[in-house]
């Protein structure tokens, strides 16, 4: 069954970093900053498991930032 073309707003999904518009790049950077803040400000008992999970998530976030040419924080 043929599928319809995605709406204009969804066409950037799966696009290379170089093809992102300045607005899309700013939205991505804002989103990554929000995720970083959410991870670091989440209030939990600092058990070994929680700390390890948080560090793993922050490492993945830093990898995403490098992938998109952003300066990891």
PDB file of N, CA and C in Angstrom:
ATOM      1  N   UNK A   1       0.852  -1.164   0.000  1.00  0.00           N
ATOM      2  CA  UNK A   1       0.000   0.000   0.000  1.00  0.00           C
ATOM      3  C   UNK A   1       0.906   1.239   0.000  1.00  0.00           C
ATOM      4  N   UNK A   2       0.748   2.164  -0.948  1.00  0.00           N
ATOM      5  CA  UNK A   2       1.587   3.368  -0.986  1.00  0.00           C
ATOM      6  C   UNK A   2       1.275   4.297   0.192  1.00  0.00           C
ATOM      7  N   UNK A   3       2.299   5.011   0.615  1.00  0.00           N
ATOM      8  CA  UNK A   3       2.098   5.949   1.714  1.00  0.00           C
ATOM      9  C   UNK A   3       2.230   7.368   1.193  1.00  0.00           C
ATOM     10  N   UNK A   4       1.568   8.268   1.856  1.00  0.00           N
ATOM     11  CA  UNK A   4       1.628   9.679   1.470  1.00  0.00           C
ATOM     12  C   UNK A   4       2.948  10.274   1.937  1.00  0.00           C
ATOM     13  N   UNK A   5       3.374  11.316   1.271  1.00  0.00           N
ATOM     14  CA  UNK A   5       4.594  12.019   1.673  1.00  0.00           C
ATOM     15  C   UNK A   5       4.367  12.654   3.035  1.00  0.00           C
ATOM     16  N   UNK A   6       5.414  12.693   3.856  1.00  0.00           N
ATOM     17  CA  UNK A   6       5.242  13.306   5.182  1.00  0.00           C
ATOM     18  C   UNK A   6       5.006  14.800   5.061  1.00  0.00           C
ATOM     19  N   UNK A   7       4.359  15.388   6.054  1.00  0.00           N
ATOM     20  CA  UNK A   7       4.168  16.843   6.021  1.00  0.00           C
ATOM     21  C   UNK A   7       5.521  17.541   6.074  1.00  0.00           C
ATOM     22  N   UNK A   8       5.547  18.787   5.634  1.00  0.00           N
ATOM     23  CA  UNK A   8       6.798  19.545   5.576  1.00  0.00           C
ATOM     24  C   UNK A   8       7.547  19.531   6.893  1.00  0.00           C
ATOM     25  N   UNK A   9       6.855  19.616   8.013  1.00  0.00           N
ATOM     26  CA  UNK A   9       7.505  19.670   9.324  1.00  0.00           C
ATOM     27  C   UNK A   9       8.257  18.388   9.646  1.00  0.00           C
ATOM     28  N   UNK A  10       7.839  17.257   9.079  1.00  0.00           N
ATOM     29  CA  UNK A  10       8.464  15.978   9.400  1.00  0.00           C
ATOM     30  C   UNK A  10       9.572  15.595   8.423  1.00  0.00           C
ATOM     31  N   UNK A  11       9.775  16.339   7.367  1.00  0.00           N
ATOM     32  CA  UNK A  11      10.770  15.950   6.367  1.00  0.00           C
ATOM     33  C   UNK A  11      12.197  15.995   6.869  1.00  0.00           C
ATOM     34  N   UNK A  12      12.475  16.714   7.966  1.00  0.00           N
ATOM     35  CA  UNK A  12      13.822  16.774   8.501  1.00  0.00           C
ATOM     36  C   UNK A  12      14.209  15.535   9.286  1.00  0.00           C
ATOM     37  N   UNK A  13      13.255  14.665   9.576  1.00  0.00           N
ATOM     38  CA  UNK A  13      13.539  13.466  10.363  1.00  0.00           C
ATOM     39  C   UNK A  13      14.465  12.563   9.561  1.00  0.00           C
ATOM     40  N   UNK A  14      15.567  12.174  10.180  1.00  0.00           N
ATOM     41  CA  UNK A  14      16.525  11.304   9.519  1.00  0.00           C
ATOM     42  C   UNK A  14      17.491  12.052   8.614  1.00  0.00           C
ATOM     43  N   UNK A  15      17.359  13.362   8.544  1.00  0.00           N
ATOM     44  CA  UNK A  15      18.230  14.161   7.689  1.00  0.00           C
ATOM     45  C   UNK A  15      19.611  14.265   8.332  1.00  0.00           C
ATOM     46  N   UNK A  16      20.611  14.521   7.488  1.00  0.00           N
ATOM     47  CA  UNK A  16      21.954  14.691   8.024  1.00  0.00           C
ATOM     48  C   UNK A  16      22.037  16.019   8.768  1.00  0.00           C
ATOM     49  N   UNK A  17      23.026  16.117   9.622  1.00  0.00           N
ATOM     50  CA  UNK A  17      23.203  17.323  10.427  1.00  0.00           C
ATOM     51  C   UNK A  17      23.396  18.538   9.528  1.00  0.00           C
ATOM     52  N   UNK A  18      24.134  18.354   8.451  1.00  0.00           N
ATOM     53  CA  UNK A  18      24.424  19.466   7.557  1.00  0.00           C
ATOM     54  C   UNK A  18      23.176  20.030   6.887  1.00  0.00           C
ATOM     55  N   UNK A  19      22.137  19.226   6.766  1.00  0.00           N
ATOM     56  CA  UNK A  19      20.933  19.686   6.084  1.00  0.00           C
ATOM     57  C   UNK A  19      19.924  20.361   7.014  1.00  0.00           C
ATOM     58  N   UNK A  20      20.246  20.449   8.300  1.00  0.00           N
ATOM     59  CA  UNK A  20      19.336  21.111   9.229  1.00  0.00           C
ATOM     60  C   UNK A  20      19.362  22.618   9.001  1.00  0.00           C
ATOM     61  N   UNK A  21      18.197  23.214   9.071  1.00  0.00           N
ATOM     62  CA  UNK A  21      18.114  24.666   8.972  1.00  0.00           C
ATOM     63  C   UNK A  21      18.598  25.267  10.297  1.00  0.00           C
ATOM     64  N   UNK A  22      18.952  26.542  10.307  1.00  0.00           N
ATOM     65  CA  UNK A  22      19.357  27.169  11.573  1.00  0.00           C
ATOM     66  C   UNK A  22      18.282  27.037  12.658  1.00  0.00           C
ATOM     67  N   UNK A  23      17.024  27.125  12.267  1.00  0.00           N
ATOM     68  CA  UNK A  23      15.939  26.996  13.247  1.00  0.00           C
ATOM     69  C   UNK A  23      15.878  25.574  13.805  1.00  0.00           C
ATOM     70  N   UNK A  24      16.055  24.570  12.938  1.00  0.00           N
ATOM     71  CA  UNK A  24      16.035  23.185  13.399  1.00  0.00           C
ATOM     72  C   UNK A  24      17.226  22.906  14.320  1.00  0.00           C
ATOM     73  N   UNK A  25      18.379  23.446  13.967  1.00  0.00           N
ATOM     74  CA  UNK A  25      19.576  23.252  14.791  1.00  0.00           C
ATOM     75  C   UNK A  25      19.380  23.895  16.175  1.00  0.00           C
ATOM     76  N   UNK A  26      18.821  25.095  16.206  1.00  0.00           N
ATOM     77  CA  UNK A  26      18.562  25.768  17.485  1.00  0.00           C
ATOM     78  C   UNK A  26      17.568  24.967  18.318  1.00  0.00           C
ATOM     79  N   UNK A  27      16.548  24.399  17.669  1.00  0.00           N
ATOM     80  CA  UNK A  27      15.563  23.597  18.383  1.00  0.00           C
ATOM     81  C   UNK A  27      16.225  22.344  18.958  1.00  0.00           C
ATOM     82  N   UNK A  28      17.102  21.724  18.199  1.00  0.00           N
ATOM     83  CA  UNK A  28      17.813  20.549  18.668  1.00  0.00           C
ATOM     84  C   UNK A  28      18.710  20.896  19.852  1.00  0.00           C
ATOM     85  N   UNK A  29      19.454  21.981  19.750  1.00  0.00           N
ATOM     86  CA  UNK A  29      20.320  22.402  20.848  1.00  0.00           C
ATOM     87  C   UNK A  29      19.518  22.720  22.104  1.00  0.00           C
ATOM     88  N   UNK A  30      18.393  23.392  21.936  1.00  0.00           N
ATOM     89  CA  UNK A  30      17.528  23.704  23.078  1.00  0.00           C
ATOM     90  C   UNK A  30      17.020  22.422  23.728  1.00  0.00           C
ATOM     91  N   UNK A  31      16.615  21.471  22.914  1.00  0.00           N
ATOM     92  CA  UNK A  31      16.123  20.196  23.433  1.00  0.00           C
ATOM     93  C   UNK A  31      17.185  19.430  24.189  1.00  0.00           C
ATOM     94  N   UNK A  32      18.398  19.415  23.654  1.00  0.00           N
ATOM     95  CA  UNK A  32      19.485  18.712  24.338  1.00  0.00           C
ATOM     96  C   UNK A  32      19.841  19.395  25.659  1.00  0.00           C
ATOM     97  N   UNK A  33      19.793  20.726  25.677  1.00  0.00           N
ATOM     98  CA  UNK A  33      20.040  21.439  26.940  1.00  0.00           C
ATOM     99  C   UNK A  33      18.960  21.090  27.970  1.00  0.00           C
ATOM    100  N   UNK A  34      17.722  21.008  27.511  1.00  0.00           N
ATOM    101  CA  UNK A  34      16.619  20.653  28.398  1.00  0.00           C
ATOM    102  C   UNK A  34      16.818  19.250  28.967  1.00  0.00           C
ATOM    103  N   UNK A  35      17.204  18.310  28.113  1.00  0.00           N
ATOM    104  CA  UNK A  35      17.422  16.933  28.566  1.00  0.00           C
ATOM    105  C   UNK A  35      18.549  16.898  29.586  1.00  0.00           C
ATOM    106  N   UNK A  36      19.652  17.617  29.313  1.00  0.00           N
ATOM    107  CA  UNK A  36      20.778  17.649  30.258  1.00  0.00           C
ATOM    108  C   UNK A  36      20.308  18.202  31.615  1.00  0.00           C
ATOM    109  N   UNK A  37      19.558  19.292  31.586  1.00  0.00           N
ATOM    110  CA  UNK A  37      19.057  19.878  32.838  1.00  0.00           C
ATOM    111  C   UNK A  37      18.164  18.902  33.574  1.00  0.00           C
ATOM    112  N   UNK A  38      17.317  18.226  32.845  1.00  0.00           N
ATOM    113  CA  UNK A  38      16.407  17.261  33.453  1.00  0.00           C
ATOM    114  C   UNK A  38      17.178  16.133  34.130  1.00  0.00           C
ATOM    115  N   UNK A  39      18.215  15.648  33.459  1.00  0.00           N
ATOM    116  CA  UNK A  39      19.017  14.560  34.028  1.00  0.00           C
ATOM    117  C   UNK A  39      19.755  15.005  35.283  1.00  0.00           C
ATOM    118  N   UNK A  40      20.338  16.184  35.237  1.00  0.00           N
ATOM    119  CA  UNK A  40      21.158  16.624  36.358  1.00  0.00           C
ATOM    120  C   UNK A  40      20.327  17.125  37.530  1.00  0.00           C
ATOM    121  N   UNK A  41      19.107  17.553  37.289  1.00  0.00           N
ATOM    122  CA  UNK A  41      18.288  18.110  38.366  1.00  0.00           C
ATOM    123  C   UNK A  41      17.287  17.111  38.937  1.00  0.00           C
ATOM    124  N   UNK A  42      17.271  15.900  38.396  1.00  0.00           N
ATOM    125  CA  UNK A  42      16.360  14.884  38.899  1.00  0.00           C
ATOM    126  C   UNK A  42      16.761  14.505  40.318  1.00  0.00           C
ATOM    127  N   UNK A  43      15.829  14.637  41.234  1.00  0.00           N
ATOM    128  CA  UNK A  43      16.110  14.380  42.642  1.00  0.00           C
ATOM    129  C   UNK A  43      15.836  12.907  42.944  1.00  0.00           C
ATOM    130  N   UNK A  44      16.919  12.198  43.226  1.00  0.00           N
ATOM    131  CA  UNK A  44      16.828  10.788  43.605  1.00  0.00           C
ATOM    132  C   UNK A  44      17.903  10.498  44.637  1.00  0.00           C
ATOM    133  N   UNK A  45      17.684   9.479  45.417  1.00  0.00           N
ATOM    134  CA  UNK A  45      18.706   9.030  46.366  1.00  0.00           C
ATOM    135  C   UNK A  45      19.919   8.593  45.541  1.00  0.00           C
ATOM    136  N   UNK A  46      21.099   9.124  45.832  1.00  0.00           N
ATOM    137  CA  UNK A  46      22.271   8.826  44.994  1.00  0.00           C
ATOM    138  C   UNK A  46      22.876   7.443  45.243  1.00  0.00           C
ATOM    139  N   UNK A  47      22.097   6.431  44.924  1.00  0.00           N
ATOM    140  CA  UNK A  47      22.627   5.067  45.045  1.00  0.00           C
ATOM    141  C   UNK A  47      23.606   4.833  43.893  1.00  0.00           C
ATOM    142  N   UNK A  48      24.385   3.764  44.007  1.00  0.00           N
ATOM    143  CA  UNK A  48      25.331   3.439  42.934  1.00  0.00           C
ATOM    144  C   UNK A  48      24.610   3.265  41.608  1.00  0.00           C
ATOM    145  N   UNK A  49      23.460   2.618  41.638  1.00  0.00           N
ATOM    146  CA  UNK A  49      22.694   2.370  40.416  1.00  0.00           C
ATOM    147  C   UNK A  49      22.206   3.686  39.795  1.00  0.00           C
ATOM    148  N   UNK A  50      21.705   4.582  40.610  1.00  0.00           N
ATOM    149  CA  UNK A  50      21.209   5.876  40.120  1.00  0.00           C
ATOM    150  C   UNK A  50      22.355   6.689  39.528  1.00  0.00           C
ATOM    151  N   UNK A  51      23.478   6.742  40.225  1.00  0.00           N
ATOM    152  CA  UNK A  51      24.634   7.505  39.748  1.00  0.00           C
ATOM    153  C   UNK A  51      25.152   6.916  38.437  1.00  0.00           C
ATOM    154  N   UNK A  52      25.246   5.597  38.367  1.00  0.00           N
ATOM    155  CA  UNK A  52      25.720   4.945  37.142  1.00  0.00           C
ATOM    156  C   UNK A  52      24.774   5.215  35.977  1.00  0.00           C
ATOM    157  N   UNK A  53      23.488   5.142  36.231  1.00  0.00           N
ATOM    158  CA  UNK A  53      22.496   5.394  35.182  1.00  0.00           C
ATOM    159  C   UNK A  53      22.570   6.841  34.702  1.00  0.00           C
ATOM    160  N   UNK A  54      22.680   7.777  35.634  1.00  0.00           N
ATOM    161  CA  UNK A  54      22.774   9.193  35.278  1.00  0.00           C
ATOM    162  C   UNK A  54      24.053   9.456  34.472  1.00  0.00           C
ATOM    163  N   UNK A  55      25.174   8.891  34.912  1.00  0.00           N
ATOM    164  CA  UNK A  55      26.434   9.083  34.191  1.00  0.00           C
ATOM    165  C   UNK A  55      26.368   8.498  32.786  1.00  0.00           C
ATOM    166  N   UNK A  56      25.735   7.333  32.644  1.00  0.00           N
ATOM    167  CA  UNK A  56      25.584   6.722  31.321  1.00  0.00           C
ATOM    168  C   UNK A  56      24.740   7.616  30.407  1.00  0.00           C
ATOM    169  N   UNK A  57      23.654   8.151  30.943  1.00  0.00           N
ATOM    170  CA  UNK A  57      22.792   9.025  30.149  1.00  0.00           C
ATOM    171  C   UNK A  57      23.524  10.306  29.754  1.00  0.00           C
ATOM    172  N   UNK A  58      24.303  10.874  30.679  1.00  0.00           N
ATOM    173  CA  UNK A  58      25.061  12.087  30.364  1.00  0.00           C
ATOM    174  C   UNK A  58      26.153  11.814  29.335  1.00  0.00           C
ATOM    175  N   UNK A  59      26.736  10.631  29.381  1.00  0.00           N
ATOM    176  CA  UNK A  59      27.732  10.242  28.374  1.00  0.00           C
ATOM    177  C   UNK A  59      27.078  10.135  26.995  1.00  0.00           C
ATOM    178  N   UNK A  60      25.911   9.516  26.941  1.00  0.00           N
ATOM    179  CA  UNK A  60      25.187   9.414  25.669  1.00  0.00           C
ATOM    180  C   UNK A  60      24.813  10.793  25.147  1.00  0.00           C
ATOM    181  N   UNK A  61      24.418  11.666  26.031  1.00  0.00           N
ATOM    182  CA  UNK A  61      24.062  13.022  25.639  1.00  0.00           C
ATOM    183  C   UNK A  61      25.280  13.754  25.064  1.00  0.00           C
ATOM    184  N   UNK A  62      26.434  13.594  25.693  1.00  0.00           N
ATOM    185  CA  UNK A  62      27.663  14.212  25.197  1.00  0.00           C
ATOM    186  C   UNK A  62      28.017  13.666  23.812  1.00  0.00           C
ATOM    187  N   UNK A  63      27.774  12.374  23.588  1.00  0.00           N
ATOM    188  CA  UNK A  63      28.022  11.786  22.265  1.00  0.00           C
ATOM    189  C   UNK A  63      27.100  12.406  21.218  1.00  0.00           C
ATOM    190  N   UNK A  64      25.844  12.610  21.576  1.00  0.00           N
ATOM    191  CA  UNK A  64      24.904  13.260  20.657  1.00  0.00           C
ATOM    192  C   UNK A  64      25.358  14.685  20.335  1.00  0.00           C
ATOM    193  N   UNK A  65      25.786  15.396  21.361  1.00  0.00           N
ATOM    194  CA  UNK A  65      26.251  16.768  21.147  1.00  0.00           C
ATOM    195  C   UNK A  65      27.446  16.785  20.196  1.00  0.00           C
ATOM    196  N   UNK A  66      28.381  15.863  20.386  1.00  0.00           N
ATOM    197  CA  UNK A  66      29.533  15.794  19.473  1.00  0.00           C
ATOM    198  C   UNK A  66      29.086  15.428  18.066  1.00  0.00           C
ATOM    199  N   UNK A  67      28.156  14.492  17.951  1.00  0.00           N
ATOM    200  CA  UNK A  67      27.640  14.081  16.636  1.00  0.00           C
ATOM    201  C   UNK A  67      27.050  15.263  15.870  1.00  0.00           C
ATOM    202  N   UNK A  68      26.355  16.122  16.583  1.00  0.00           N
ATOM    203  CA  UNK A  68      25.719  17.266  15.948  1.00  0.00           C
ATOM    204  C   UNK A  68      26.624  18.496  15.915  1.00  0.00           C
ATOM    205  N   UNK A  69      27.887  18.314  16.277  1.00  0.00           N
ATOM    206  CA  UNK A  69      28.844  19.411  16.187  1.00  0.00           C
ATOM    207  C   UNK A  69      28.686  20.442  17.263  1.00  0.00           C
ATOM    208  N   UNK A  70      28.093  20.060  18.371  1.00  0.00           N
ATOM    209  CA  UNK A  70      27.921  20.992  19.482  1.00  0.00           C
ATOM    210  C   UNK A  70      29.026  20.749  20.490  1.00  0.00           C
ATOM    211  N   UNK A  71      29.290  21.738  21.288  1.00  0.00           N
ATOM    212  CA  UNK A  71      30.316  21.612  22.314  1.00  0.00           C
ATOM    213  C   UNK A  71      29.692  20.902  23.514  1.00  0.00           C
ATOM    214  N   UNK A  72      30.167  19.681  23.825  1.00  0.00           N
ATOM    215  CA  UNK A  72      29.617  18.979  25.005  1.00  0.00           C
ATOM    216  C   UNK A  72      29.874  19.779  26.271  1.00  0.00           C
ATOM    217  N   UNK A  73      28.915  19.743  27.179  1.00  0.00           N
ATOM    218  CA  UNK A  73      29.030  20.510  28.429  1.00  0.00           C
ATOM    219  C   UNK A  73      29.485  19.628  29.553  1.00  0.00           C
TER     220      UNK A  73
END
